[in-house]
Amino acid sequence: MARELLGCVLETRTRNTRTAGRIVEVEAYLGPDDPASHSAKWRKTTRNEAMYGPPGTAYVYRSYGVHWCFNVVTQQSGFPAAVLVRALEPIAGATVMARRRGFRNARLLCSGPGRLCEALAITDGLNGMPLNGTRVRLKRVAGAPRGSEIGSGPRIGISRAADWPLRFFVSDSPWLSRRG
């Protein structure tokens, strides 16, 4: 599912302001058997409850008490697996994104999970919401990357199962949080 999210558009609407970006980098978290997942060993808490919801649900959490992170729940209800969205190519509302982020470097607006959440005004208020609503929406669009256009590698910023090749990205995208 992680590869299929590449090229999809993530859109938010806050106070009638639309911001959106094309997904260019993700990381998969496979559920109870993945030691890096928030649901490792079937752990269920108030924080990760949204992971146990239906596919197409937002799972939003705070990382290190500083940055919001946005995930797409990917498996059937009751099986807690999700894909972290790591980077977007801004396609709508870049001026608003820059104002929210406090700077204008377009390449850095959404290149990282915390940055993209700040740019799109994603907070825990979206946690558990379906991704086909008015406040947050995930859309498939034509021209999604395939085959050799998709790179993979180890996940970033974790200590458990860090070497698992579950990070996927659009190979030639200048919008990635990190190269290769």
N, C-alpha and C. Protein backbone atom coordinates (compact mmCIF):
# COMPACT_ATOMS: atom_id res chain seq x y z
N MET A 1 0.82 -1.20 0.00
CA MET A 1 0.00 0.00 0.00
C MET A 1 0.86 1.26 0.00
N ALA A 2 2.02 1.21 0.64
CA ALA A 2 2.87 2.40 0.73
C ALA A 2 3.25 2.93 -0.66
N ARG A 3 3.64 2.03 -1.55
CA ARG A 3 4.00 2.45 -2.91
C ARG A 3 2.81 3.09 -3.63
N GLU A 4 1.62 2.57 -3.38
CA GLU A 4 0.42 3.09 -4.04
C GLU A 4 0.07 4.51 -3.59
N LEU A 5 0.54 4.91 -2.42
CA LEU A 5 0.27 6.27 -1.96
C LEU A 5 1.13 7.31 -2.67
N LEU A 6 2.27 6.87 -3.22
CA LEU A 6 3.12 7.81 -3.95
C LEU A 6 2.35 8.37 -5.15
N GLY A 7 2.36 9.67 -5.30
CA GLY A 7 1.63 10.33 -6.37
C GLY A 7 0.23 10.77 -5.99
N CYS A 8 -0.31 10.21 -4.89
CA CYS A 8 -1.63 10.66 -4.42
C CYS A 8 -1.52 12.08 -3.88
N VAL A 9 -2.64 12.77 -3.84
CA VAL A 9 -2.68 14.14 -3.34
C VAL A 9 -3.31 14.15 -1.95
N LEU A 10 -2.61 14.77 -1.02
CA LEU A 10 -3.12 14.99 0.33
C LEU A 10 -3.54 16.44 0.42
N GLU A 11 -4.79 16.65 0.81
CA GLU A 11 -5.37 18.00 0.81
C GLU A 11 -6.00 18.28 2.17
N THR A 12 -5.81 19.50 2.66
CA THR A 12 -6.50 19.93 3.87
C THR A 12 -7.23 21.24 3.59
N ARG A 13 -8.29 21.45 4.35
CA ARG A 13 -9.04 22.71 4.30
C ARG A 13 -9.21 23.21 5.73
N THR A 14 -8.69 24.40 5.95
CA THR A 14 -8.79 25.03 7.26
C THR A 14 -9.28 26.46 7.04
N ARG A 15 -10.40 26.79 7.66
CA ARG A 15 -10.99 28.13 7.50
C ARG A 15 -11.09 28.51 6.02
N ASN A 16 -11.64 27.61 5.22
CA ASN A 16 -11.84 27.82 3.78
C ASN A 16 -10.54 28.00 2.99
N THR A 17 -9.42 27.61 3.58
CA THR A 17 -8.14 27.69 2.88
C THR A 17 -7.70 26.28 2.51
N ARG A 18 -7.47 26.08 1.22
CA ARG A 18 -7.05 24.77 0.71
C ARG A 18 -5.53 24.73 0.56
N THR A 19 -4.93 23.70 1.13
CA THR A 19 -3.52 23.42 0.89
C THR A 19 -3.43 21.96 0.47
N ALA A 20 -2.50 21.68 -0.44
CA ALA A 20 -2.40 20.31 -0.94
C ALA A 20 -1.00 20.03 -1.46
N GLY A 21 -0.66 18.75 -1.44
CA GLY A 21 0.62 18.33 -1.98
C GLY A 21 0.54 16.91 -2.50
N ARG A 22 1.41 16.63 -3.46
CA ARG A 22 1.52 15.28 -4.04
C ARG A 22 2.51 14.49 -3.18
N ILE A 23 2.13 13.32 -2.75
CA ILE A 23 2.99 12.50 -1.89
C ILE A 23 4.18 11.98 -2.69
N VAL A 24 5.40 12.24 -2.17
CA VAL A 24 6.62 11.81 -2.85
C VAL A 24 7.49 10.90 -1.98
N GLU A 25 7.13 10.75 -0.70
CA GLU A 25 7.94 9.91 0.19
C GLU A 25 7.08 9.39 1.34
N VAL A 26 7.20 8.10 1.63
CA VAL A 26 6.42 7.46 2.69
C VAL A 26 7.27 6.39 3.40
N GLU A 27 6.78 5.95 4.56
CA GLU A 27 7.37 4.82 5.27
C GLU A 27 6.24 3.93 5.76
N ALA A 28 6.39 2.63 5.56
CA ALA A 28 5.38 1.67 6.00
C ALA A 28 5.70 1.17 7.41
N TYR A 29 4.65 1.03 8.20
CA TYR A 29 4.73 0.43 9.54
C TYR A 29 3.71 -0.71 9.55
N LEU A 30 4.22 -1.93 9.67
CA LEU A 30 3.47 -3.13 9.32
C LEU A 30 2.55 -3.68 10.39
N GLY A 31 2.54 -3.10 11.56
CA GLY A 31 1.61 -3.57 12.59
C GLY A 31 2.28 -4.31 13.71
N PRO A 32 1.57 -5.25 14.32
CA PRO A 32 2.01 -5.92 15.54
C PRO A 32 3.37 -6.62 15.45
N ASP A 33 3.75 -7.10 14.28
CA ASP A 33 5.03 -7.80 14.13
C ASP A 33 6.17 -6.88 13.73
N ASP A 34 5.92 -5.60 13.65
CA ASP A 34 6.92 -4.61 13.29
C ASP A 34 7.37 -3.91 14.59
N PRO A 35 8.59 -4.17 15.05
CA PRO A 35 9.02 -3.59 16.33
C PRO A 35 9.09 -2.06 16.34
N ALA A 36 9.09 -1.42 15.18
CA ALA A 36 9.13 0.04 15.12
C ALA A 36 7.73 0.66 15.09
N SER A 37 6.72 -0.16 14.94
CA SER A 37 5.34 0.34 14.88
C SER A 37 4.83 0.72 16.26
N HIS A 38 3.99 1.74 16.32
CA HIS A 38 3.34 2.10 17.57
C HIS A 38 2.43 1.00 18.07
N SER A 39 2.09 0.05 17.20
CA SER A 39 1.21 -1.05 17.58
C SER A 39 1.98 -2.37 17.74
N ALA A 40 3.30 -2.30 17.89
CA ALA A 40 4.10 -3.51 18.06
C ALA A 40 3.53 -4.35 19.21
N LYS A 41 3.50 -5.65 18.99
CA LYS A 41 2.98 -6.61 19.98
C LYS A 41 1.54 -6.31 20.38
N TRP A 42 0.77 -5.77 19.45
CA TRP A 42 -0.66 -5.46 19.64
C TRP A 42 -0.89 -4.42 20.73
N ARG A 43 0.10 -3.57 20.97
CA ARG A 43 -0.06 -2.51 21.96
C ARG A 43 -1.13 -1.53 21.47
N LYS A 44 -2.10 -1.27 22.32
CA LYS A 44 -3.17 -0.32 21.98
C LYS A 44 -3.28 0.70 23.10
N THR A 45 -3.17 1.97 22.71
CA THR A 45 -3.23 3.07 23.67
C THR A 45 -4.16 4.13 23.14
N THR A 46 -4.43 5.13 23.94
CA THR A 46 -5.22 6.27 23.47
C THR A 46 -4.54 6.92 22.29
N ARG A 47 -3.20 7.01 22.34
CA ARG A 47 -2.42 7.65 21.28
C ARG A 47 -2.58 6.95 19.94
N ASN A 48 -2.52 5.61 19.92
CA ASN A 48 -2.50 4.89 18.64
C ASN A 48 -3.85 4.26 18.28
N GLU A 49 -4.90 4.58 18.98
CA GLU A 49 -6.20 3.96 18.74
C GLU A 49 -6.66 4.09 17.29
N ALA A 50 -6.37 5.20 16.66
CA ALA A 50 -6.79 5.41 15.26
C ALA A 50 -6.18 4.37 14.32
N MET A 51 -5.00 3.83 14.67
CA MET A 51 -4.37 2.80 13.84
C MET A 51 -5.24 1.55 13.72
N TYR A 52 -6.09 1.32 14.69
CA TYR A 52 -6.94 0.14 14.71
C TYR A 52 -8.24 0.37 13.93
N GLY A 53 -8.39 1.55 13.37
CA GLY A 53 -9.60 1.88 12.62
C GLY A 53 -9.57 1.34 11.20
N PRO A 54 -10.56 1.73 10.41
CA PRO A 54 -10.65 1.24 9.03
C PRO A 54 -9.59 1.87 8.13
N PRO A 55 -9.29 1.21 7.00
CA PRO A 55 -8.34 1.80 6.06
C PRO A 55 -8.89 3.14 5.57
N GLY A 56 -7.96 4.06 5.29
CA GLY A 56 -8.39 5.39 4.85
C GLY A 56 -8.70 6.31 6.01
N THR A 57 -8.17 6.00 7.19
CA THR A 57 -8.32 6.83 8.37
C THR A 57 -7.01 7.55 8.64
N ALA A 58 -7.07 8.76 9.14
CA ALA A 58 -5.87 9.51 9.52
C ALA A 58 -5.41 9.06 10.91
N TYR A 59 -4.13 8.81 11.04
CA TYR A 59 -3.50 8.58 12.33
C TYR A 59 -2.47 9.68 12.50
N VAL A 60 -2.75 10.61 13.41
CA VAL A 60 -1.88 11.76 13.65
C VAL A 60 -1.37 11.69 15.08
N TYR A 61 -0.07 11.82 15.23
CA TYR A 61 0.52 11.78 16.56
C TYR A 61 1.66 12.80 16.66
N ARG A 62 2.03 13.10 17.88
CA ARG A 62 3.12 14.05 18.14
C ARG A 62 4.42 13.26 18.29
N SER A 63 5.45 13.66 17.58
CA SER A 63 6.75 13.01 17.63
C SER A 63 7.68 13.80 18.55
N TYR A 64 8.21 13.12 19.53
CA TYR A 64 9.12 13.74 20.50
C TYR A 64 8.52 14.97 21.17
N GLY A 65 7.20 15.04 21.22
CA GLY A 65 6.53 16.16 21.85
C GLY A 65 6.66 17.47 21.09
N VAL A 66 7.14 17.41 19.84
CA VAL A 66 7.42 18.63 19.08
C VAL A 66 6.63 18.73 17.79
N HIS A 67 6.73 17.70 16.93
CA HIS A 67 6.16 17.76 15.58
C HIS A 67 5.00 16.78 15.43
N TRP A 68 3.98 17.21 14.69
CA TRP A 68 2.89 16.30 14.33
C TRP A 68 3.36 15.44 13.18
N CYS A 69 2.89 14.19 13.13
CA CYS A 69 3.17 13.28 12.03
C CYS A 69 1.84 12.73 11.53
N PHE A 70 1.72 12.63 10.21
CA PHE A 70 0.49 12.19 9.57
C PHE A 70 0.69 10.82 8.94
N ASN A 71 -0.22 9.90 9.24
CA ASN A 71 -0.19 8.54 8.72
C ASN A 71 -1.53 8.18 8.10
N VAL A 72 -1.49 7.27 7.16
CA VAL A 72 -2.69 6.71 6.55
C VAL A 72 -2.84 5.28 7.06
N VAL A 73 -3.95 4.97 7.71
CA VAL A 73 -4.23 3.61 8.15
C VAL A 73 -4.52 2.79 6.89
N THR A 74 -3.89 1.60 6.81
CA THR A 74 -3.93 0.87 5.54
C THR A 74 -4.60 -0.50 5.57
N GLN A 75 -4.80 -1.07 6.74
CA GLN A 75 -5.36 -2.42 6.79
C GLN A 75 -6.79 -2.40 7.32
N GLN A 76 -7.42 -3.57 7.35
CA GLN A 76 -8.80 -3.67 7.81
C GLN A 76 -8.89 -3.26 9.28
N SER A 77 -10.09 -2.85 9.69
CA SER A 77 -10.33 -2.48 11.08
C SER A 77 -9.84 -3.58 12.01
N GLY A 78 -9.16 -3.17 13.06
CA GLY A 78 -8.65 -4.13 14.04
C GLY A 78 -7.22 -4.56 13.81
N PHE A 79 -6.68 -4.35 12.59
CA PHE A 79 -5.27 -4.68 12.32
C PHE A 79 -4.51 -3.37 12.15
N PRO A 80 -3.70 -3.00 13.14
CA PRO A 80 -3.08 -1.68 13.18
C PRO A 80 -1.82 -1.52 12.33
N ALA A 81 -1.98 -1.18 11.09
CA ALA A 81 -0.86 -0.88 10.20
C ALA A 81 -1.11 0.47 9.56
N ALA A 82 -0.03 1.21 9.32
CA ALA A 82 -0.18 2.55 8.76
C ALA A 82 1.05 2.93 7.95
N VAL A 83 0.89 3.96 7.14
CA VAL A 83 1.98 4.49 6.34
C VAL A 83 2.18 5.95 6.72
N LEU A 84 3.40 6.27 7.17
CA LEU A 84 3.77 7.64 7.49
C LEU A 84 4.05 8.40 6.21
N VAL A 85 3.43 9.56 6.06
CA VAL A 85 3.72 10.41 4.91
C VAL A 85 4.89 11.30 5.31
N ARG A 86 6.02 11.14 4.61
CA ARG A 86 7.26 11.84 4.96
C ARG A 86 7.47 13.14 4.18
N ALA A 87 7.00 13.21 2.94
CA ALA A 87 7.25 14.41 2.14
C ALA A 87 6.21 14.57 1.04
N LEU A 88 5.94 15.84 0.73
CA LEU A 88 5.00 16.22 -0.32
C LEU A 88 5.63 17.22 -1.27
N GLU A 89 5.17 17.21 -2.49
CA GLU A 89 5.45 18.28 -3.45
C GLU A 89 4.26 19.24 -3.36
N PRO A 90 4.47 20.47 -2.90
CA PRO A 90 3.35 21.41 -2.78
C PRO A 90 2.70 21.66 -4.14
N ILE A 91 1.35 21.60 -4.19
CA ILE A 91 0.66 21.86 -5.46
C ILE A 91 -0.46 22.89 -5.31
N ALA A 92 -0.84 23.22 -4.09
CA ALA A 92 -1.88 24.24 -3.88
C ALA A 92 -1.68 24.89 -2.52
N GLY A 93 -1.75 26.21 -2.50
CA GLY A 93 -1.65 26.94 -1.24
C GLY A 93 -0.24 27.16 -0.74
N ALA A 94 0.74 27.22 -1.62
CA ALA A 94 2.14 27.37 -1.20
C ALA A 94 2.37 28.65 -0.40
N THR A 95 1.67 29.71 -0.74
CA THR A 95 1.83 30.97 0.01
C THR A 95 1.36 30.80 1.44
N VAL A 96 0.25 30.11 1.62
CA VAL A 96 -0.27 29.84 2.97
C VAL A 96 0.69 28.91 3.70
N MET A 97 1.19 27.89 3.02
CA MET A 97 2.15 26.97 3.64
C MET A 97 3.38 27.74 4.13
N ALA A 98 3.90 28.63 3.31
CA ALA A 98 5.08 29.41 3.68
C ALA A 98 4.79 30.28 4.90
N ARG A 99 3.62 30.85 4.96
CA ARG A 99 3.26 31.68 6.12
C ARG A 99 3.18 30.80 7.38
N ARG A 100 2.58 29.65 7.27
CA ARG A 100 2.48 28.75 8.43
C ARG A 100 3.86 28.27 8.89
N ARG A 101 4.76 28.04 7.95
CA ARG A 101 6.10 27.55 8.27
C ARG A 101 7.05 28.68 8.65
N GLY A 102 6.72 29.91 8.25
CA GLY A 102 7.56 31.04 8.61
C GLY A 102 8.76 31.27 7.70
N PHE A 103 8.75 30.66 6.53
CA PHE A 103 9.80 30.94 5.55
C PHE A 103 9.33 30.55 4.16
N ARG A 104 10.08 30.93 3.14
CA ARG A 104 9.62 30.78 1.77
C ARG A 104 10.36 29.75 0.93
N ASN A 105 11.33 29.05 1.46
CA ASN A 105 12.05 28.05 0.68
C ASN A 105 11.08 26.94 0.28
N ALA A 106 10.61 26.97 -0.94
CA ALA A 106 9.57 26.06 -1.41
C ALA A 106 9.97 24.59 -1.24
N ARG A 107 11.25 24.27 -1.50
CA ARG A 107 11.68 22.89 -1.41
C ARG A 107 11.56 22.34 0.01
N LEU A 108 11.65 23.19 1.00
CA LEU A 108 11.60 22.73 2.39
C LEU A 108 10.22 22.84 3.03
N LEU A 109 9.23 23.33 2.30
CA LEU A 109 7.90 23.50 2.89
C LEU A 109 7.33 22.20 3.43
N CYS A 110 7.47 21.12 2.68
CA CYS A 110 6.83 19.85 3.04
C CYS A 110 7.81 18.68 3.01
N SER A 111 9.10 18.96 3.17
CA SER A 111 10.11 17.89 3.07
C SER A 111 10.46 17.37 4.47
N GLY A 112 9.58 16.59 4.99
CA GLY A 112 9.72 15.98 6.31
C GLY A 112 8.36 15.90 6.96
N PRO A 113 8.13 14.90 7.79
CA PRO A 113 6.79 14.71 8.37
C PRO A 113 6.31 15.88 9.21
N GLY A 114 7.17 16.47 10.01
CA GLY A 114 6.77 17.62 10.82
C GLY A 114 6.53 18.85 9.97
N ARG A 115 7.37 19.06 8.99
CA ARG A 115 7.22 20.22 8.10
C ARG A 115 5.91 20.18 7.33
N LEU A 116 5.58 19.00 6.77
CA LEU A 116 4.36 18.93 5.96
C LEU A 116 3.13 19.10 6.84
N CYS A 117 3.18 18.60 8.06
CA CYS A 117 2.03 18.79 8.96
C CYS A 117 1.85 20.26 9.31
N GLU A 118 2.94 20.95 9.56
CA GLU A 118 2.85 22.39 9.85
C GLU A 118 2.33 23.15 8.63
N ALA A 119 2.84 22.82 7.45
CA ALA A 119 2.43 23.50 6.22
C ALA A 119 0.96 23.29 5.90
N LEU A 120 0.44 22.09 6.16
CA LEU A 120 -0.95 21.77 5.85
C LEU A 120 -1.89 21.93 7.05
N ALA A 121 -1.36 22.46 8.16
CA ALA A 121 -2.14 22.67 9.39
C ALA A 121 -2.75 21.36 9.91
N ILE A 122 -1.94 20.30 9.86
CA ILE A 122 -2.37 19.00 10.37
C ILE A 122 -1.98 18.90 11.84
N THR A 123 -2.98 18.64 12.68
CA THR A 123 -2.77 18.46 14.11
C THR A 123 -3.59 17.27 14.57
N ASP A 124 -3.59 17.03 15.87
CA ASP A 124 -4.35 15.90 16.40
C ASP A 124 -5.85 16.06 16.20
N GLY A 125 -6.31 17.25 15.83
CA GLY A 125 -7.73 17.44 15.53
C GLY A 125 -8.19 16.61 14.34
N LEU A 126 -7.24 16.15 13.51
CA LEU A 126 -7.58 15.30 12.35
C LEU A 126 -7.41 13.82 12.65
N ASN A 127 -6.85 13.49 13.81
CA ASN A 127 -6.63 12.09 14.17
C ASN A 127 -7.95 11.32 14.19
N GLY A 128 -7.96 10.18 13.51
CA GLY A 128 -9.14 9.33 13.46
C GLY A 128 -10.16 9.72 12.40
N MET A 129 -9.91 10.80 11.68
CA MET A 129 -10.87 11.25 10.65
C MET A 129 -10.72 10.42 9.38
N PRO A 130 -11.82 10.18 8.68
CA PRO A 130 -11.73 9.52 7.38
C PRO A 130 -11.06 10.46 6.38
N LEU A 131 -10.32 9.88 5.45
CA LEU A 131 -9.56 10.68 4.49
C LEU A 131 -10.34 11.01 3.23
N ASN A 132 -11.65 11.09 3.37
CA ASN A 132 -12.50 11.51 2.26
C ASN A 132 -13.46 12.61 2.71
N GLY A 133 -13.07 13.32 3.75
CA GLY A 133 -13.92 14.36 4.31
C GLY A 133 -13.63 15.74 3.75
N THR A 134 -14.17 16.74 4.39
CA THR A 134 -13.95 18.11 3.92
C THR A 134 -12.70 18.73 4.53
N ARG A 135 -12.29 18.30 5.72
CA ARG A 135 -11.10 18.87 6.36
C ARG A 135 -9.81 18.23 5.88
N VAL A 136 -9.85 16.94 5.60
CA VAL A 136 -8.67 16.24 5.09
C VAL A 136 -9.13 15.22 4.06
N ARG A 137 -8.38 15.15 2.96
CA ARG A 137 -8.78 14.28 1.86
C ARG A 137 -7.52 13.73 1.19
N LEU A 138 -7.61 12.46 0.83
CA LEU A 138 -6.55 11.80 0.08
C LEU A 138 -7.15 11.38 -1.25
N LYS A 139 -6.51 11.79 -2.35
CA LYS A 139 -7.06 11.51 -3.67
C LYS A 139 -6.02 10.85 -4.57
N ARG A 140 -6.46 9.83 -5.29
CA ARG A 140 -5.61 9.25 -6.34
C ARG A 140 -5.73 10.15 -7.56
N VAL A 141 -4.64 10.35 -8.24
CA VAL A 141 -4.63 11.17 -9.45
C VAL A 141 -3.88 10.42 -10.55
N ALA A 142 -4.09 10.83 -11.75
CA ALA A 142 -3.41 10.20 -12.88
C ALA A 142 -1.91 10.50 -12.83
N GLY A 143 -1.13 9.62 -13.40
CA GLY A 143 0.30 9.85 -13.51
C GLY A 143 1.11 9.44 -12.29
N ALA A 144 0.60 8.53 -11.50
CA ALA A 144 1.34 8.07 -10.32
C ALA A 144 2.63 7.37 -10.75
N PRO A 145 3.70 7.54 -9.98
CA PRO A 145 4.97 6.88 -10.34
C PRO A 145 4.85 5.36 -10.24
N ARG A 146 5.60 4.67 -11.08
CA ARG A 146 5.58 3.21 -11.09
C ARG A 146 6.99 2.67 -11.37
N GLY A 147 7.18 1.42 -11.03
CA GLY A 147 8.40 0.71 -11.39
C GLY A 147 9.67 1.41 -10.97
N SER A 148 10.55 1.66 -11.95
CA SER A 148 11.86 2.25 -11.67
C SER A 148 11.78 3.69 -11.19
N GLU A 149 10.62 4.32 -11.28
CA GLU A 149 10.46 5.68 -10.77
C GLU A 149 10.40 5.69 -9.24
N ILE A 150 10.23 4.51 -8.64
CA ILE A 150 10.10 4.40 -7.19
C ILE A 150 11.37 3.80 -6.59
N GLY A 151 11.95 4.52 -5.64
CA GLY A 151 13.10 4.02 -4.91
C GLY A 151 12.68 3.50 -3.56
N SER A 152 13.56 2.75 -2.92
CA SER A 152 13.27 2.26 -1.58
C SER A 152 14.55 2.23 -0.76
N GLY A 153 14.38 2.17 0.55
CA GLY A 153 15.52 2.12 1.45
C GLY A 153 15.04 1.96 2.87
N PRO A 154 15.97 2.04 3.81
CA PRO A 154 15.60 1.89 5.22
C PRO A 154 14.81 3.10 5.73
N ARG A 155 14.01 2.86 6.76
CA ARG A 155 13.26 3.94 7.38
C ARG A 155 14.21 4.88 8.10
N ILE A 156 13.73 6.08 8.38
CA ILE A 156 14.56 7.14 8.94
C ILE A 156 14.11 7.47 10.36
N GLY A 157 15.07 7.73 11.23
CA GLY A 157 14.76 8.27 12.55
C GLY A 157 14.18 7.30 13.55
N ILE A 158 14.40 6.02 13.35
CA ILE A 158 13.91 5.02 14.30
C ILE A 158 15.09 4.16 14.74
N SER A 159 14.93 3.46 15.85
CA SER A 159 16.02 2.60 16.33
C SER A 159 15.71 1.12 16.13
N ARG A 160 14.45 0.74 16.15
CA ARG A 160 14.07 -0.67 15.97
C ARG A 160 13.75 -0.93 14.50
N ALA A 161 14.25 -2.03 13.98
CA ALA A 161 13.99 -2.43 12.59
C ALA A 161 14.29 -1.30 11.61
N ALA A 162 15.29 -0.50 11.94
CA ALA A 162 15.64 0.66 11.11
C ALA A 162 16.16 0.24 9.74
N ASP A 163 16.70 -0.97 9.63
CA ASP A 163 17.26 -1.42 8.36
C ASP A 163 16.22 -2.03 7.42
N TRP A 164 15.00 -2.19 7.89
CA TRP A 164 13.96 -2.74 7.01
C TRP A 164 13.72 -1.77 5.85
N PRO A 165 13.71 -2.24 4.61
CA PRO A 165 13.56 -1.33 3.46
C PRO A 165 12.10 -0.95 3.21
N LEU A 166 11.54 -0.19 4.13
CA LEU A 166 10.12 0.17 4.06
C LEU A 166 9.90 1.66 3.83
N ARG A 167 10.92 2.35 3.38
CA ARG A 167 10.79 3.74 2.97
C ARG A 167 10.73 3.73 1.45
N PHE A 168 9.71 4.39 0.90
CA PHE A 168 9.53 4.43 -0.56
C PHE A 168 9.42 5.88 -0.99
N PHE A 169 9.97 6.19 -2.16
CA PHE A 169 10.01 7.57 -2.61
C PHE A 169 10.07 7.67 -4.13
N VAL A 170 9.64 8.80 -4.64
CA VAL A 170 9.74 9.09 -6.07
C VAL A 170 11.21 9.43 -6.32
N SER A 171 11.89 8.58 -7.07
CA SER A 171 13.35 8.64 -7.19
C SER A 171 13.91 10.00 -7.60
N ASP A 172 13.29 10.66 -8.55
CA ASP A 172 13.86 11.91 -9.05
C ASP A 172 13.24 13.17 -8.43
N SER A 173 12.49 13.01 -7.35
CA SER A 173 11.81 14.16 -6.75
C SER A 173 12.77 15.06 -5.98
N PRO A 174 12.70 16.36 -6.22
CA PRO A 174 13.53 17.30 -5.44
C PRO A 174 12.89 17.62 -4.08
N TRP A 175 11.71 17.05 -3.80
CA TRP A 175 10.95 17.41 -2.60
C TRP A 175 11.16 16.44 -1.45
N LEU A 176 12.03 15.45 -1.58
CA LEU A 176 12.22 14.42 -0.55
C LEU A 176 12.79 15.02 0.73
N SER A 177 12.54 14.31 1.85
CA SER A 177 13.12 14.76 3.12
C SER A 177 14.61 14.44 3.14
N ARG A 178 14.98 13.35 2.49
CA ARG A 178 16.38 12.96 2.36
C ARG A 178 16.56 12.25 1.02
N ARG A 179 17.71 12.35 0.47
CA ARG A 179 18.03 11.66 -0.78
C ARG A 179 18.22 10.18 -0.53
N GLY A 180 17.86 9.36 -1.57
CA GLY A 180 18.11 7.93 -1.58
C GLY A 180 18.01 7.26 -0.32
